[in-house]
Amino acid sequence: MHKIYTAFMMLVLASCANVNDIKNLDQATVSSFNKALAIGYKDFAKKSSWRDSSYFKLKSKNAAKGQEVLPEDVSKWKNIPEVEVDNLRWARIKLDNVLIDSVRADYPVQLANIQKLYDCWLEMESRGVRKEKIEECRMEFILEIGVLESILMPILPVEEKQAYAQI
């Protein structure tokens, strides 16, 4: 009888739970990197075009669920000038070099912001918005990844330092 009562009470309590409480329970198992990424993409979605806004909201939701959310692939976006495609490919290589588990764990907020800035730069280039807006994302990306690389360089294994030297 006690088991039935306990099960009944759990059912009653679950039905009374606020949706936000359930979201908060899920958040307990999500990494700090994914939490920061979810917040960054949610904020960025507000600044995106109506066409891209729902896409970046989805990336935010997926990050909040703890799913792996990768930076955008420049080859899948249209209307980007060829010189910027090359710049974005270079930026993606630099980003991929720091998107490793140890950096996600030690610098979650910084790394999530850098990934969001990369996607911001790419999305703005694709839309062809005012150069000032594109430059805002691009320059902030370059600055922030440079800061993170300067922090990481002294602690990277020799092989990874050599890989950076080739970029």
Foldseek 3Di string as FASTA:
>chain_A
DVVVVVVVVVVVVVVVDDPVVVLVVLQVPAALLLQLLLVLLQVVLVVADPVCSVVSNVLSVCSSNNHDRAADQLVVFPQAPPVVNVVLVVLSVLLVLQPDPVNCRVPRNLNSLLSSLSNQLSRCRRVVDDPVSNCVSVVVNVVSSVVVCVVCLVVDPPVSVVVVVVD
